[in-house]
Amino acid sequence: MSAGASHQVRLAGEMLDAACDALAAYEELVRARVDAQAHPPGPPAAGDLETDFRRWMGAAIGHLETAGLVLDDAVARGEDALAWALAREAARLAHETLLQLVSHAPGASDALRRAAERALATWSDPSGADEDQVLRRIARERLGVEAG
């Protein structure tokens, strides 16, 4: 794995860790709300905000599991350009998930705020100018075309 790909994998790992910390903090907030309120038996009413919090939590779990699998694949592949692109996508998914958790949080949480701040300090925008070059290189390699 090239220095660029390994750096991208490291950044993606840090972003994924921060997003997982945010998910843990979000889960604590949701659990506190569930524990604080008695729910009648049966399915929740349409538009139930508590159900929305659980839906966002479930979506975040799926997104972060996916990001983790993509990052694992980036590490295992060893193809420099593709490993770089996979790590970038894992970081992007983790970053977007973290922002969704923060925007849908059912209240304030110091742990959620700290996770978001850590992620933003690590990588505030998971897009970059060199992304175009790497993605074009991946396509050239797949097509067997020389650069030009």
Protein backbone atom coordinates (compact mmCIF):
# COMPACT_ATOMS: atom_id res chain seq x y z
CA MET A 1 0.00 0.00 0.00
CA SER A 2 1.40 3.39 -0.96
CA ALA A 3 2.04 6.18 1.51
CA GLY A 4 -0.97 8.03 0.08
CA ALA A 5 -3.26 5.03 0.45
CA SER A 6 -2.03 4.21 3.95
CA HIS A 7 -2.49 7.85 4.99
CA GLN A 8 -6.03 7.76 3.57
CA VAL A 9 -6.73 4.50 5.44
CA ARG A 10 -5.47 6.07 8.68
CA LEU A 11 -7.69 9.14 8.22
CA ALA A 12 -10.67 6.94 7.39
CA GLY A 13 -10.03 4.88 10.52
CA GLU A 14 -9.95 8.01 12.66
CA MET A 15 -13.18 9.26 11.08
CA LEU A 16 -14.84 5.89 11.58
CA ASP A 17 -13.73 5.80 15.23
CA ALA A 18 -15.15 9.28 15.83
CA ALA A 19 -18.43 8.34 14.13
CA CYS A 20 -18.67 5.15 16.24
CA ASP A 21 -18.13 7.26 19.37
CA ALA A 22 -20.91 9.57 18.19
CA LEU A 23 -23.18 6.57 17.66
CA ALA A 24 -22.47 5.37 21.22
CA ALA A 25 -23.33 8.83 22.57
CA TYR A 26 -26.48 8.96 20.43
CA GLU A 27 -27.51 5.53 21.71
CA GLU A 28 -27.15 6.76 25.30
CA LEU A 29 -29.45 9.70 24.51
CA VAL A 30 -32.04 7.43 22.89
CA ARG A 31 -31.88 4.93 25.78
CA ALA A 32 -32.36 7.75 28.28
CA ARG A 33 -35.48 8.90 26.43
CA VAL A 34 -36.86 5.36 26.21
CA ASP A 35 -36.20 4.73 29.91
CA ALA A 36 -37.76 8.05 30.91
CA GLN A 37 -41.04 7.47 29.08
CA ALA A 38 -43.57 4.71 29.46
CA HIS A 39 -44.85 3.50 26.11
CA PRO A 40 -48.25 1.86 25.76
CA PRO A 41 -48.21 -1.67 24.39
CA GLY A 42 -48.63 -2.13 20.67
CA PRO A 43 -47.05 -0.47 17.66
CA PRO A 44 -46.01 3.18 17.97
CA ALA A 45 -48.27 5.86 16.57
CA ALA A 46 -47.51 7.16 13.08
CA GLY A 47 -45.02 10.00 13.27
CA ASP A 48 -43.82 8.97 16.73
CA LEU A 49 -40.64 10.96 17.35
CA GLU A 50 -39.17 8.18 19.50
CA THR A 51 -39.51 5.82 16.55
CA ASP A 52 -37.72 8.37 14.36
CA PHE A 53 -34.80 8.46 16.80
CA ARG A 54 -34.57 4.68 16.66
CA ARG A 55 -34.80 4.73 12.85
CA TRP A 56 -31.91 7.22 12.61
CA MET A 57 -29.94 5.09 15.05
CA GLY A 58 -30.58 1.95 12.97
CA ALA A 59 -29.55 3.74 9.79
CA ALA A 60 -26.33 4.94 11.46
CA ILE A 61 -25.52 1.40 12.61
CA GLY A 62 -25.90 0.13 9.04
CA HIS A 63 -23.88 2.98 7.56
CA LEU A 64 -21.00 2.57 10.01
CA GLU A 65 -20.92 -1.21 9.58
CA THR A 66 -20.74 -0.63 5.82
CA ALA A 67 -17.95 1.93 6.23
CA GLY A 68 -16.02 -0.56 8.37
CA LEU A 69 -16.35 -3.30 5.77
CA VAL A 70 -15.25 -0.95 2.99
CA LEU A 71 -12.26 0.15 5.06
CA ASP A 72 -11.34 -3.49 5.76
CA ASP A 73 -11.49 -4.13 2.01
CA ALA A 74 -9.23 -1.12 1.36
CA VAL A 75 -6.65 -2.52 3.75
CA ALA A 76 -6.88 -6.04 2.30
CA ARG A 77 -6.69 -5.08 -1.40
CA GLY A 78 -3.26 -3.51 -1.48
CA GLU A 79 -4.04 -1.80 -4.82
CA ASP A 80 -2.82 1.68 -4.22
CA ALA A 81 -5.37 3.69 -6.16
CA LEU A 82 -8.34 1.48 -5.34
CA ALA A 83 -7.35 1.17 -1.68
CA TRP A 84 -7.13 4.99 -1.56
CA ALA A 85 -10.58 5.38 -3.15
CA LEU A 86 -12.18 2.77 -0.89
CA ALA A 87 -10.72 4.40 2.21
CA ARG A 88 -11.96 7.78 0.98
CA GLU A 89 -15.49 6.38 0.54
CA ALA A 90 -15.42 4.77 3.99
CA ALA A 91 -14.40 8.10 5.50
CA ARG A 92 -17.05 9.97 3.54
CA LEU A 93 -19.78 7.58 4.72
CA ALA A 94 -18.61 7.80 8.33
CA HIS A 95 -18.43 11.61 8.11
CA GLU A 96 -21.94 11.91 6.65
CA THR A 97 -23.30 9.50 9.28
CA LEU A 98 -21.71 11.48 12.09
CA LEU A 99 -23.25 14.71 10.79
CA GLN A 100 -26.67 13.02 10.58
CA LEU A 101 -26.36 11.76 14.15
CA VAL A 102 -25.52 15.24 15.40
CA SER A 103 -28.40 16.83 13.48
CA HIS A 104 -30.93 14.23 14.70
CA ALA A 105 -29.77 13.97 18.30
CA PRO A 106 -32.63 13.87 20.81
CA GLY A 107 -30.95 16.40 23.10
CA ALA A 108 -27.54 17.73 24.01
CA SER A 109 -24.64 15.43 24.80
CA ASP A 110 -21.07 16.34 25.66
CA ALA A 111 -19.89 12.96 24.33
CA LEU A 112 -21.67 13.51 21.00
CA ARG A 113 -20.25 17.04 20.74
CA ARG A 114 -16.72 15.79 21.50
CA ALA A 115 -16.99 13.05 18.86
CA ALA A 116 -18.14 15.59 16.28
CA GLU A 117 -15.36 18.02 17.17
CA ARG A 118 -12.76 15.25 16.95
CA ALA A 119 -14.02 14.23 13.53
CA LEU A 120 -14.05 17.78 12.25
CA ALA A 121 -10.53 18.35 13.54
CA THR A 122 -9.43 15.16 11.75
CA TRP A 123 -11.09 15.85 8.47
CA SER A 124 -13.68 18.54 7.92
CA ASP A 125 -14.29 17.75 4.23
CA PRO A 126 -13.69 14.27 2.90
CA SER A 127 -13.29 15.43 -0.69
CA GLY A 128 -10.09 16.57 -2.28
CA ALA A 129 -8.46 17.87 -5.41
CA ASP A 130 -6.38 14.72 -5.86
CA GLU A 131 -9.52 12.57 -5.87
CA ASP A 132 -10.11 13.14 -9.60
CA GLN A 133 -6.61 11.95 -10.49
CA VAL A 134 -6.90 8.80 -8.40
CA LEU A 135 -10.34 7.90 -9.76
CA ARG A 136 -9.15 8.41 -13.35
CA ARG A 137 -6.13 6.21 -12.63
CA ILE A 138 -8.40 3.43 -11.33
CA ALA A 139 -10.44 3.57 -14.55
CA ARG A 140 -7.30 3.58 -16.72
CA GLU A 141 -5.95 0.54 -14.88
CA ARG A 142 -9.25 -1.32 -15.32
CA LEU A 143 -9.41 -0.40 -19.02
CA GLY A 144 -5.73 -1.09 -19.66
CA VAL A 145 -5.25 2.43 -21.05
CA GLU A 146 -2.07 4.47 -20.72
CA ALA A 147 -2.17 7.91 -19.15
CA GLY A 148 -2.35 10.69 -21.66
